[in-house]
Protein backbone atom coordinates (compact mmCIF):
# COMPACT_ATOMS: atom_id res chain seq x y z
CA MET A 1 221.49 -21.47 0.67
CA LYS A 2 218.31 -19.87 -0.48
CA TYR A 3 216.51 -22.21 1.89
CA LEU A 4 218.66 -21.07 4.80
CA GLU A 5 218.09 -17.46 3.85
CA SER A 6 214.36 -18.03 3.71
CA VAL A 7 214.44 -19.56 7.19
CA LEU A 8 216.98 -17.25 8.84
CA LEU A 9 215.81 -13.87 7.49
CA PRO A 10 212.47 -13.87 9.29
CA PHE A 11 214.24 -15.05 12.47
CA LEU A 12 216.87 -12.33 12.20
CA LEU A 13 214.18 -9.76 11.47
CA LEU A 14 212.30 -10.87 14.58
CA ILE A 15 215.46 -10.45 16.69
CA CYS A 16 216.07 -7.00 15.17
CA LEU A 17 212.50 -5.88 15.87
CA SER A 18 212.76 -7.20 19.40
CA ILE A 19 215.97 -5.27 20.02
CA CYS A 20 214.63 -2.11 18.40
CA ALA A 21 211.45 -2.31 20.50
CA GLN A 22 213.40 -2.04 23.77
CA PRO A 23 212.87 1.38 25.42
CA LYS A 24 215.71 3.77 24.94
CA LYS A 25 217.47 4.90 28.07
CA THR A 26 216.93 8.58 28.74
CA THR A 27 220.15 10.35 29.51
CA ALA A 28 219.43 13.62 31.27
CA TYR A 29 221.54 16.07 33.23
CA LYS A 30 220.78 16.64 36.88
CA ILE A 31 221.73 20.18 37.91
CA SER A 32 221.92 20.56 41.70
CA TYR A 33 221.74 23.79 43.69
CA ILE A 34 221.97 24.82 47.32
CA GLN A 35 219.86 27.69 48.71
CA TYR A 36 220.64 29.60 51.92
CA SER A 37 220.24 32.98 53.59
CA ASN A 38 222.70 35.47 55.05
CA ASN A 39 225.66 33.24 54.15
CA ASN A 40 224.43 30.62 56.59
CA THR A 41 224.85 27.32 54.77
CA ALA A 42 224.07 25.41 57.97
CA ASP A 43 220.41 26.26 57.43
CA CYS A 44 219.96 25.47 53.76
CA ASP A 45 217.88 23.63 51.19
CA THR A 46 219.07 21.71 48.16
CA PHE A 47 217.07 21.13 45.02
CA ASN A 48 217.53 19.81 41.50
CA ILE A 49 216.49 20.82 38.02
CA TYR A 50 216.99 18.65 34.93
CA TYR A 51 218.05 19.30 31.36
CA PHE A 52 217.15 17.01 28.47
CA ASP A 53 217.02 17.54 24.74
CA GLY A 54 216.62 21.33 24.79
CA VAL A 55 214.17 21.48 27.71
CA CYS A 56 214.96 22.49 31.29
CA PHE A 57 212.61 20.79 33.78
CA LEU A 58 212.20 22.99 36.86
CA THR A 59 209.73 20.72 38.69
CA ASP A 60 209.18 16.98 38.97
CA ASN A 61 205.42 17.34 38.19
CA LYS A 62 204.47 15.26 41.25
CA GLY A 63 202.35 18.25 42.21
CA SER A 64 199.66 19.89 40.12
CA ILE A 65 201.95 22.57 38.64
CA SER A 66 204.97 22.00 36.38
CA GLN A 67 207.43 24.54 35.00
CA TYR A 68 209.74 24.32 32.01
CA ILE A 69 212.19 26.40 30.03
CA ASP A 70 211.62 25.10 26.51
CA ILE A 71 214.70 26.32 24.64
CA ASN A 72 213.65 24.49 21.46
CA ARG A 73 210.47 26.55 21.26
CA GLY A 74 211.96 29.65 22.89
CA LEU A 75 209.27 29.58 25.57
CA ASN A 76 208.78 29.58 29.32
CA VAL A 77 206.00 27.07 29.90
CA ASP A 78 203.79 26.50 32.97
CA ILE A 79 201.39 23.55 32.99
CA ILE A 80 198.72 22.82 35.58
CA VAL A 81 196.39 19.83 35.93
CA LYS A 82 192.91 20.54 37.27
CA ASP A 83 190.13 17.93 37.29
CA ASN A 84 192.27 15.70 35.03
CA GLU A 85 192.57 18.41 32.38
CA TYR A 86 195.86 20.10 31.44
CA TYR A 87 196.21 23.86 31.00
CA LYS A 88 199.26 25.90 30.08
CA THR A 89 200.56 29.41 29.79
CA THR A 90 203.54 30.33 27.64
CA GLN A 91 205.79 33.34 27.44
CA SER A 92 208.57 33.99 24.99
CA ILE A 93 212.00 33.75 26.59
CA SER A 94 212.84 36.91 24.64
CA ASP A 95 210.26 38.73 26.79
CA ASN A 96 212.13 37.94 30.00
CA PRO A 97 213.23 40.97 32.04
CA LYS A 98 216.35 42.56 30.62
CA PRO A 99 219.38 43.04 32.86
CA ILE A 100 220.10 46.61 33.86
CA GLU A 101 223.77 45.67 33.61
CA ILE A 102 225.99 42.82 32.43
CA SER A 103 229.29 43.24 34.23
CA ASP A 104 232.75 42.54 32.84
CA GLU A 105 233.49 40.97 36.20
CA LYS A 106 234.11 37.21 36.01
CA LYS A 107 234.14 34.61 38.75
CA LYS A 108 234.81 30.88 38.83
CA ILE A 109 231.76 29.19 40.31
CA ASN A 110 231.99 25.47 40.78
CA GLU A 111 234.29 24.75 37.83
CA TYR A 112 232.71 27.23 35.45
CA LYS A 113 233.93 30.71 34.60
CA SER A 114 230.85 32.92 35.01
CA LYS A 115 229.84 36.50 34.44
CA LYS A 116 227.17 38.57 36.19
CA ALA A 117 223.88 40.09 35.05
CA THR A 118 222.03 42.41 37.42
CA TYR A 119 218.25 42.80 37.44
CA ASN A 120 215.81 45.03 39.27
CA SER A 121 212.48 43.32 39.88
CA PHE A 122 209.70 44.63 42.13
CA SER A 123 212.27 46.71 44.05
CA ASN A 124 214.51 43.66 44.49
CA LYS A 125 218.12 43.55 43.34
CA ILE A 126 218.84 40.19 41.71
CA GLU A 127 222.37 39.23 40.65
CA VAL A 128 222.56 36.31 38.24
CA TRP A 129 225.88 34.63 37.43
CA PHE A 130 225.91 32.46 34.31
CA THR A 131 228.20 30.49 32.03
CA ASP A 132 228.10 29.30 28.43
CA LYS A 133 230.68 26.55 29.02
CA ALA A 134 228.51 23.88 30.65
CA ASN A 135 226.88 22.39 27.53
CA VAL A 136 223.59 22.30 29.46
CA TYR A 137 221.24 25.24 29.68
CA GLY A 138 218.75 26.58 32.16
CA SER A 139 218.06 28.53 35.33
CA PRO A 140 216.25 27.92 38.63
CA TYR A 141 214.12 30.96 37.73
CA GLN A 142 212.41 31.03 34.34
CA ARG A 143 212.43 34.79 34.03
CA PHE A 144 216.05 35.30 35.07
CA PHE A 145 217.77 33.43 32.27
CA PRO A 146 220.29 35.70 30.49
CA ASN A 147 220.26 33.77 27.20
CA THR A 148 219.32 30.39 25.76
CA GLU A 149 222.94 29.22 25.62
CA SER A 150 223.69 29.80 29.27
CA LEU A 151 223.46 27.98 32.57
CA VAL A 152 222.87 29.99 35.74
CA THR A 153 225.52 29.16 38.33
CA LYS A 154 224.61 31.57 41.12
CA ILE A 155 221.76 33.90 42.13
CA VAL A 156 221.92 36.50 44.89
CA VAL A 157 218.72 38.32 45.92
CA ASN A 158 219.11 41.57 47.87
CA ASN A 159 222.55 40.47 49.03
CA ASN A 160 221.06 38.09 51.59
CA ARG A 161 219.54 35.09 49.80
CA THR A 162 221.79 32.94 47.66
CA ILE A 163 221.43 30.00 45.29
CA ASP A 164 224.68 28.25 44.32
CA LEU A 165 225.35 25.57 41.72
CA ILE A 166 226.60 22.39 43.40
CA ASP A 167 227.08 19.91 40.58
CA ILE A 168 226.03 18.71 37.13
CA ILE A 169 225.68 14.94 36.76
CA LYS A 170 224.77 12.90 33.71
CA VAL A 171 221.98 10.51 34.73
CA SER A 172 221.31 7.41 32.63
CA ASN A 173 217.98 5.62 32.49
CA TYR A 174 216.35 8.61 34.16
CA ASP A 175 212.55 8.57 34.49
CA LEU A 176 212.02 12.04 33.06
CA PRO A 177 208.87 13.91 34.20
CA ASP A 178 206.10 14.12 31.62
CA TYR A 179 205.89 17.25 29.48
CA TYR A 180 202.30 17.68 28.31
CA PHE A 181 202.89 20.67 26.07
CA ASP A 182 200.73 19.45 23.19
CA ALA A 183 197.99 18.03 25.42
CA ALA A 184 197.57 21.20 27.48
CA MET A 185 195.02 23.87 26.56
CA GLU A 186 196.49 27.38 26.51
CA ILE A 187 194.82 29.89 28.82
CA THR A 188 195.58 33.46 29.88
CA ASP A 189 197.98 34.32 32.67
CA PRO A 190 195.18 35.57 34.99
CA GLU A 191 193.22 32.36 34.38
CA PHE A 192 196.31 30.31 35.14
CA GLU A 193 196.97 32.27 38.35
CA GLU A 194 193.42 31.53 39.49
CA LEU A 195 193.81 27.80 38.81
CA LYS A 196 197.21 27.83 40.52
CA ILE A 197 195.79 29.33 43.70
CA LEU A 198 192.77 27.00 43.70
CA SER A 199 195.00 23.96 43.25
CA ARG A 200 196.86 24.67 46.47
CA TYR A 201 193.97 24.26 48.89
CA GLU A 202 190.69 22.43 49.25
CA VAL A 203 187.35 24.21 49.21
CA VAL A 204 184.53 22.55 51.15
CA PRO A 205 181.22 24.10 50.01
CA VAL A 206 178.65 24.44 52.79
CA PHE A 207 175.85 26.78 51.67
CA GLU A 208 175.20 28.19 48.23
CA ASN A 209 172.54 30.79 47.51
CA ASP A 210 170.59 29.81 50.64
CA ARG A 211 168.03 32.07 52.27
CA ILE A 212 167.85 33.14 55.93
CA ASN A 213 164.55 34.88 56.69
CA PHE A 214 161.51 34.86 58.96
CA ASP A 215 158.98 32.22 58.02
CA THR A 216 156.56 30.86 60.61
CA GLU A 217 155.03 28.47 58.07
CA LEU A 218 158.10 26.24 57.84
CA GLU A 219 157.33 22.61 58.53
CA LYS A 220 158.88 21.09 61.64
CA ILE A 221 161.73 18.67 60.97
CA ASN A 222 162.37 15.48 62.91
CA PRO A 223 166.13 15.38 63.64
CA GLU A 224 166.06 11.57 63.57
CA GLU A 225 165.00 11.67 59.93
CA VAL A 226 167.70 14.08 58.79
CA ASP A 227 170.63 12.89 56.68
CA GLY A 228 172.12 16.39 56.65
CA LEU A 229 173.02 16.40 52.96
CA GLU A 230 170.55 19.16 52.15
CA THR A 231 170.25 22.61 53.68
CA LEU A 232 167.88 22.63 56.64
CA HIS A 233 165.88 25.78 57.50
CA LEU A 234 165.27 25.93 61.25
CA SER A 235 164.05 28.29 63.97
CA ASN A 236 161.36 29.90 61.80
CA GLY A 237 163.90 30.48 59.03
CA GLY A 238 166.52 32.23 61.17
CA ILE A 239 169.04 29.38 60.90
CA ILE A 240 170.34 27.34 58.01
CA PHE A 241 172.03 24.08 59.02
CA LYS A 242 173.91 21.32 57.24
CA LYS A 243 176.13 18.28 57.76
CA VAL A 244 179.62 18.72 56.27
CA LYS A 245 182.30 16.12 55.62
CA LEU A 246 185.76 17.29 56.66
CA PRO A 247 188.72 16.62 54.36
CA GLN A 248 191.52 14.34 55.50
CA MET A 249 193.87 17.29 55.90
CA ALA A 250 191.62 18.61 58.70
CA LYS A 251 193.05 15.78 60.82
CA GLU A 252 196.61 16.63 59.81
CA GLY A 253 196.96 20.17 61.10
CA ALA A 254 195.52 22.03 58.10
CA TYR A 255 194.78 25.74 58.28
CA CYS A 256 191.08 26.50 57.96
CA PHE A 257 189.38 29.72 56.91
CA ALA A 258 185.63 30.35 56.87
CA LYS A 259 184.45 32.47 53.94
CA LEU A 260 180.93 33.87 54.17
CA THR A 261 179.09 35.99 51.61
CA VAL A 262 175.85 37.78 52.52
CA ARG A 263 173.57 39.99 50.43
CA SER A 264 170.20 41.43 51.36
CA ASP A 265 167.14 40.14 49.55
CA GLY A 266 164.77 42.46 51.37
CA ASP A 267 166.01 43.13 54.91
CA ALA A 268 167.30 46.70 55.23
CA TYR A 269 168.82 46.56 58.71
CA ASP A 270 172.12 45.63 60.29
CA ARG A 271 171.62 42.31 62.08
CA THR A 272 173.62 40.10 64.40
CA GLY A 273 174.93 36.99 62.64
CA SER A 274 176.83 33.93 63.79
CA VAL A 275 178.46 30.97 62.07
CA PHE A 276 178.57 28.01 64.46
CA ILE A 277 179.36 24.32 64.46
CA ILE A 278 178.30 21.23 66.39
CA PRO A 279 180.58 18.15 66.15
CA ASP A 280 178.86 15.12 64.64
CA SER A 281 179.68 13.16 67.79
CA GLN A 282 177.26 15.50 69.65
CA LYS A 283 174.32 15.21 67.25
CA ASP A 284 172.32 13.39 69.92
CA GLY A 285 172.91 16.16 72.43
CA LEU A 286 170.65 18.92 73.68
CA MET A 287 172.18 21.71 71.57
CA PHE A 288 171.66 19.79 68.34
CA ASN A 289 168.10 18.77 69.16
CA SER A 290 167.10 22.24 70.37
CA LEU A 291 167.61 23.60 66.86
CA PHE A 292 164.76 21.33 65.74
CA GLN A 293 162.58 21.35 68.88
CA GLY A 294 163.15 24.86 70.22
CA PRO A 295 165.20 26.36 73.07
CA ASP A 296 162.84 25.19 75.84
CA ILE A 297 164.64 21.83 76.11
CA LEU A 298 167.90 23.59 77.03
CA PRO A 299 169.18 24.17 80.58
CA VAL A 300 167.78 27.40 82.02
CA PHE A 301 169.13 29.85 84.56
CA VAL A 302 167.25 32.75 86.12
CA ASP A 303 168.77 36.18 86.81
CA LYS A 304 168.02 38.37 89.82
CA LEU A 305 165.08 39.98 88.00
CA GLY A 306 163.47 36.61 87.33
CA ASN A 307 164.29 36.52 83.61
CA GLU A 308 164.99 33.08 82.15
CA TYR A 309 167.87 32.35 79.78
CA GLN A 310 168.13 29.10 77.83
CA GLY A 311 171.31 27.25 76.94
CA TYR A 312 173.94 29.90 77.57
CA MET A 313 176.51 27.92 79.58
CA ALA A 314 177.98 24.43 79.45
CA GLU A 315 176.86 22.15 82.26
CA ASN A 316 176.75 18.42 82.85
CA ASP A 317 176.20 16.88 79.41
CA PHE A 318 175.23 20.13 77.65
CA ASN A 319 177.65 22.01 75.38
CA PRO A 320 176.64 25.24 73.64
CA ALA A 321 177.33 25.67 69.94
CA ILE A 322 180.92 26.51 68.96
CA GLU A 323 180.86 29.97 67.42
CA ILE A 324 183.49 30.24 64.67
CA MET A 325 182.51 33.64 63.25
CA ARG A 326 180.55 36.62 64.57
CA PHE A 327 179.40 38.95 61.81
CA PHE A 328 176.96 41.76 61.21
CA THR A 329 174.90 42.23 58.11
CA SER A 330 175.04 45.52 56.32
CA PHE A 331 172.27 48.01 55.85
CA GLY A 332 170.83 46.34 52.78
CA ALA A 333 173.81 45.65 50.46
CA GLY A 334 172.36 43.99 47.38
CA HIS A 335 168.61 44.53 47.46
CA PHE A 336 168.75 48.26 48.24
CA ASN A 337 171.63 49.29 45.97
CA ASP A 338 169.35 50.80 43.33
CA LYS A 339 166.84 52.20 45.80
CA ARG A 340 169.06 54.92 47.22
CA PRO A 341 171.43 56.05 44.46
CA ILE A 342 173.96 58.71 45.46
CA ASN A 343 176.48 60.17 43.06
CA ASN A 344 179.98 58.71 43.59
CA TYR A 345 178.64 56.12 46.05
CA ASN A 346 179.27 52.77 44.38
CA TRP A 347 177.44 50.38 46.70
CA GLU A 348 178.91 46.93 47.23
CA PRO A 349 176.67 44.20 45.80
CA GLU A 350 177.39 41.89 48.75
CA VAL A 351 179.55 41.64 51.84
CA ILE A 352 182.33 39.04 52.11
CA TYR A 353 183.66 37.98 55.50
CA LYS A 354 186.68 35.69 55.87
CA ARG A 355 188.71 34.73 58.91
CA GLU A 356 190.92 31.93 60.13
CA VAL A 357 189.11 29.41 62.33
CA THR A 358 191.79 26.71 62.49
CA GLU A 359 191.80 26.29 66.26
CA LEU A 360 188.00 25.77 66.33
CA ILE A 361 187.68 22.99 63.71
CA PRO A 362 187.92 19.53 65.32
CA ASP A 363 190.64 17.19 64.13
CA ASN A 364 188.98 14.06 65.54
CA GLU A 365 185.70 14.17 63.61
CA ASP A 366 184.78 12.96 60.14
CA TYR A 367 181.78 15.30 59.99
CA ILE A 368 180.62 18.52 61.60
CA TRP A 369 177.27 20.28 61.48
CA VAL A 370 177.52 23.89 60.37
CA GLY A 371 174.92 26.57 60.94
CA VAL A 372 174.47 30.24 60.07
CA PHE A 373 172.16 32.48 62.08
CA ILE A 374 170.96 35.99 61.18
CA GLY A 375 168.47 37.69 63.46
CA ASN A 376 165.86 39.24 61.15
CA TYR A 377 162.10 39.42 60.71
CA ASP A 378 161.88 39.93 56.97
CA LYS A 379 160.12 37.49 54.65
CA ASN A 380 162.89 37.66 52.02
CA GLY A 381 165.74 38.24 54.45
CA HIS A 382 169.28 37.53 53.26
CA ILE A 383 171.01 35.24 50.75
CA VAL A 384 174.05 33.43 52.09
CA ASP A 385 177.03 31.50 50.71
CA LEU A 386 179.54 29.75 52.97
CA GLU A 387 182.63 27.68 52.32
CA LEU A 388 185.42 26.29 54.48
CA ASP A 389 188.85 26.59 52.88
CA PHE A 390 191.49 24.10 54.05
CA TYR A 391 195.16 24.82 53.38
CA PRO A 392 197.84 22.14 53.82
CA PRO A 393 200.08 22.60 56.88
CA TYR A 394 203.74 23.45 56.45
CA ASP A 395 204.77 20.80 58.98
CA GLU A 396 203.16 17.66 60.31
CA SER A 397 201.53 18.39 63.64
CA ASP A 398 202.70 16.49 66.72
CA SER A 399 199.61 17.47 68.72
CA LYS A 400 195.84 17.18 68.72
CA LYS A 401 193.36 19.99 69.32
CA PHE A 402 191.43 20.51 72.52
CA ILE A 403 188.15 22.41 71.99
CA LYS A 404 185.63 23.00 74.73
CA PRO A 405 182.79 25.58 74.36
CA LEU A 406 182.10 27.19 77.73
CA PHE A 407 179.44 29.81 77.08
CA ASN A 408 177.57 31.41 74.18
CA THR A 409 174.94 34.09 74.76
CA VAL A 410 174.21 34.74 71.07
CA ASN A 411 170.52 33.86 70.94
CA ILE A 412 170.76 31.97 67.66
CA MET A 413 167.16 30.77 68.15
CA GLU A 414 165.95 34.37 68.48
CA MET A 415 163.14 33.78 65.98
CA ASN A 416 162.00 30.87 68.12
CA SER A 417 161.82 32.94 71.34
CA GLN A 418 165.31 32.41 72.79
CA ASN A 419 165.92 35.36 75.09
CA TYR A 420 168.42 38.18 74.52
CA CYS A 421 171.34 38.28 76.95
CA ARG A 422 170.15 41.16 79.18
CA PHE A 423 171.38 39.94 82.58
CA PHE A 424 174.80 41.59 82.97
CA LYS A 425 173.38 44.65 84.77
CA THR A 426 172.32 42.46 87.74
CA TYR A 427 174.16 39.16 87.22
CA THR A 428 177.67 37.89 86.56
CA LEU A 429 178.10 35.08 84.07
CA ARG A 430 179.70 32.52 86.35
CA MET A 431 180.33 28.86 85.61
CA LYS A 432 182.61 25.97 86.46
CA PHE A 433 184.74 24.12 83.94
CA GLU A 434 187.37 21.41 83.94
CA LEU A 435 190.77 21.59 82.28
CA PRO A 436 191.75 17.99 81.51
CA GLU A 437 195.18 16.54 82.18
CA GLY A 438 197.64 16.98 79.31
CA VAL A 439 196.20 20.14 77.74
CA GLU A 440 198.99 22.56 76.84
CA ASN A 441 198.82 26.27 76.02
CA PRO A 442 195.19 26.72 77.06
CA GLN A 443 193.51 29.94 76.04
CA LEU A 444 190.02 31.36 75.89
CA VAL A 445 188.69 32.44 72.49
CA PHE A 446 186.44 35.30 73.63
CA THR A 447 184.07 37.22 71.35
CA THR A 448 182.01 40.11 72.66
CA THR A 449 179.66 42.68 71.13
CA GLY A 450 177.31 45.16 72.81
CA HIS A 451 173.80 45.98 71.62
CA GLY A 452 171.09 48.50 72.41
CA GLY A 453 170.20 50.66 69.47
CA TRP A 454 169.30 53.96 71.01
CA GLU A 455 171.42 56.95 71.95
CA THR A 456 172.45 55.75 75.42
CA GLY A 457 172.26 52.02 74.67
CA ASP A 458 175.36 49.88 75.10
CA GLU A 459 175.77 49.65 71.32
CA PHE A 460 176.85 53.29 71.31
CA VAL A 461 178.45 53.62 74.76
CA PRO A 462 181.87 52.11 75.62
CA LYS A 463 181.54 49.51 78.39
CA LEU A 464 184.17 47.59 80.36
CA ASN A 465 184.36 43.80 79.95
CA GLU A 466 186.29 41.77 82.55
CA ILE A 467 187.12 38.07 82.80
CA LEU A 468 188.08 36.41 86.09
CA VAL A 469 189.32 32.85 86.56
CA ASP A 470 189.25 31.46 90.09
CA GLY A 471 188.66 34.98 91.35
CA GLU A 472 191.70 36.50 89.62
CA LYS A 473 191.32 38.98 86.77
CA VAL A 474 192.92 37.55 83.61
CA PHE A 475 191.56 39.97 81.00
CA GLU A 476 189.81 43.30 80.63
CA ILE A 477 188.88 45.33 77.59
CA VAL A 478 186.57 48.11 76.50
CA PRO A 479 185.46 46.61 73.18
CA TRP A 480 184.99 49.57 70.86
CA LEU A 481 185.39 50.17 67.12
CA THR A 482 185.90 53.64 65.67
CA ASP A 483 186.42 52.70 62.01
CA CYS A 484 182.82 51.98 61.00
CA ALA A 485 182.83 54.82 58.44
CA THR A 486 185.35 52.75 56.47
CA TYR A 487 182.49 50.46 55.44
CA ARG A 488 180.01 53.11 54.28
CA LEU A 489 179.77 51.56 50.78
CA ASN A 490 178.52 48.30 52.34
CA ASN A 491 175.44 50.12 53.63
CA PRO A 492 173.12 51.60 50.98
CA ALA A 493 170.06 51.61 53.29
CA SER A 494 171.84 53.35 56.17
CA GLY A 495 170.09 56.54 57.26
CA ASN A 496 171.82 59.86 56.54
CA PHE A 497 171.69 62.63 59.14
CA GLY A 498 171.64 66.40 58.86
CA ASN A 499 175.23 66.76 60.05
CA GLY A 500 176.58 64.61 57.18
CA LEU A 501 177.05 61.41 59.18
CA SER A 502 175.28 58.18 58.37
CA SER A 503 174.05 55.61 60.89
CA SER A 504 176.65 53.11 59.64
CA ASP A 505 179.44 55.61 60.40
CA PHE A 506 178.94 55.66 64.18
CA SER A 507 181.42 53.92 66.46
CA ARG A 508 180.02 50.85 68.19
CA SER A 509 180.70 48.24 70.86
CA ASN A 510 183.08 46.03 68.87
CA TRP A 511 181.15 45.82 65.62
CA CYS A 512 180.18 47.81 62.54
CA PRO A 513 177.38 47.25 60.03
CA GLY A 514 178.78 44.96 57.33
CA THR A 515 181.84 43.64 59.23
CA LEU A 516 182.92 40.64 61.27
CA THR A 517 184.11 40.79 64.88
CA PRO A 518 187.38 38.93 65.52
CA PRO A 519 187.72 37.27 68.94
CA TYR A 520 190.17 38.12 71.69
CA TYR A 521 192.61 35.40 72.75
CA VAL A 522 193.02 35.21 76.53
CA LYS A 523 196.07 33.18 77.52
CA LEU A 524 195.53 30.82 80.47
CA GLU A 525 198.89 29.04 80.75
CA MET A 526 198.85 29.51 84.51
CA LEU A 527 195.98 27.06 84.90
CA SER A 528 196.67 23.59 86.20
CA SER A 529 194.51 20.63 85.25
CA GLY A 530 191.36 20.23 87.29
CA ASN A 531 188.27 22.26 88.12
CA HIS A 532 188.09 26.05 87.77
CA THR A 533 185.55 28.88 87.81
CA ILE A 534 185.26 31.55 85.13
CA GLU A 535 183.35 34.83 85.45
CA VAL A 536 182.44 37.41 82.81
CA ILE A 537 181.53 40.86 84.16
CA ILE A 538 180.17 43.61 81.91
CA ASP A 539 179.13 47.12 82.89
CA GLN A 540 175.75 46.85 81.18
CA GLY A 541 173.57 49.99 81.10
CA GLU A 542 170.07 50.46 82.45
CA ASP A 543 166.88 49.94 80.48
CA GLU A 544 165.15 52.99 79.11
CA GLY A 545 161.44 52.40 78.77
CA SER A 546 160.98 49.40 76.51
CA SER A 547 164.55 49.69 75.21
CA PHE A 548 167.22 47.48 76.72
CA SER A 549 170.90 46.71 76.26
CA SER A 550 172.24 43.20 75.71
CA TRP A 551 175.60 41.51 75.18
CA SER A 552 176.49 38.66 72.88
CA VAL A 553 179.52 36.88 74.32
CA SER A 554 180.99 33.50 73.52
CA GLY A 555 183.94 31.73 75.10
CA ILE A 556 185.67 28.60 73.85
CA LEU A 557 188.52 26.96 75.74
CA VAL A 558 191.16 25.71 73.30
CA GLY A 559 194.60 24.16 73.59
CA THR A 560 196.75 21.30 72.35
CA ILE A 561 197.28 17.74 73.49
CA ILE A 562 200.61 16.17 72.57
CA LYS A 563 200.22 12.89 70.70
CA GLU A 564 201.53 9.83 72.48
């Protein structure tokens, strides 16, 4: 007997350990809700939250942010993962907003007798129905949770958006989302909000603390020897240029915003600036190579006065650069802030420009080349940062982009002798283009600004711009901004006049010192596929001595092509 015991006990112990080592099935409660607006359940969304062992799981943590109501700890908990590190914020459930009223009114919702708590939050009326009879606890909204022994059965926001409890189901062997409370580092609410925002989109850095200036001693660069990973300084310092890898979401219909920061490091004046791109598939083309070799290799046309203009219009195998942002530097923000102190004038340390450029970013390229131009003749010039921010689309796109640059008269190689666009007083910008088969919703992205910095120059005199396609007028505008005084604090080096105005206050032809110029969108749905002619007519003023007016205009034909 003792022998049998000595043999069997280890065997039985092994069986017991084997059984005990089996993972325990997690039994959780799935709480399902339906969400709809204006009592229209036909257009609704359903979602689930889960309750297990004193914790309400509001998200499945497949994304970067997870939310919990931790009843055991008495905390609302948010956890975010960033660069494989976990961060959390916590708030006591007892600090949740207090109802302005808990009504005696009772209503049976699903199978649960519920009562109503009413909240006022950011001018919104929120009615929360809850029960203490469900034996599970939680709420779709962390902060609207009447007490830790309740389950929210219905929420009504402003009498027009409703969330209703559908069902509570016990789920066995449920793969519960991870809850990294102990592993997460606690941070402040503002820090968490910053991480939360950054986690939702992808930032593609382009330039960081790069200089644009005038430097005739720069060494020439052979474009065949460029890998594009570093910042290139071209056109005697007036252009910075770089190869940029696009994220995968750029091919999936992502929204894209260009964010540019500029501060003076010595240049005091307001200057024309342009952010432009060249698709990587065109890096062997004339536009790309001209940035390294100079504008003389570009196609040239001659106006009626015999003036030559290089590379302004698409022709044959030449495409001008795609301008994605027109901007104007301030009068010296940054470098001149402490050189002209004025009481109660708190000069901005830099100027930030940001605009959506989604329709201009190719969705069929792995790389693009990005450049920034600022026309200036200062040795220290300006310091520039640029990033492209890509935001996931709400829906998968069923189309591809069509992008065709037609003309661009911004002389981005100004510091390498590319001529100013002075021809509109005697010449109409006229060119042919082709609209391919299958392009839908074509439109022209048209940017225009007038220049001529003396009293009667076009910078300070409203002038009519007209666009004709196949001889028919499709657009006209007098591009004129009257809000330049809004940006006075961007312009510490702006001259002050005896009547109290400053130079940066004056209205201008579609630009202000320290602002960007958004484009106009000219709809061209009437165009059929095939060849067309476009004309740009501007009422440009006469020269006055050595002073002249000029116009910087760019036009990009965009549209969509339905995927097959």
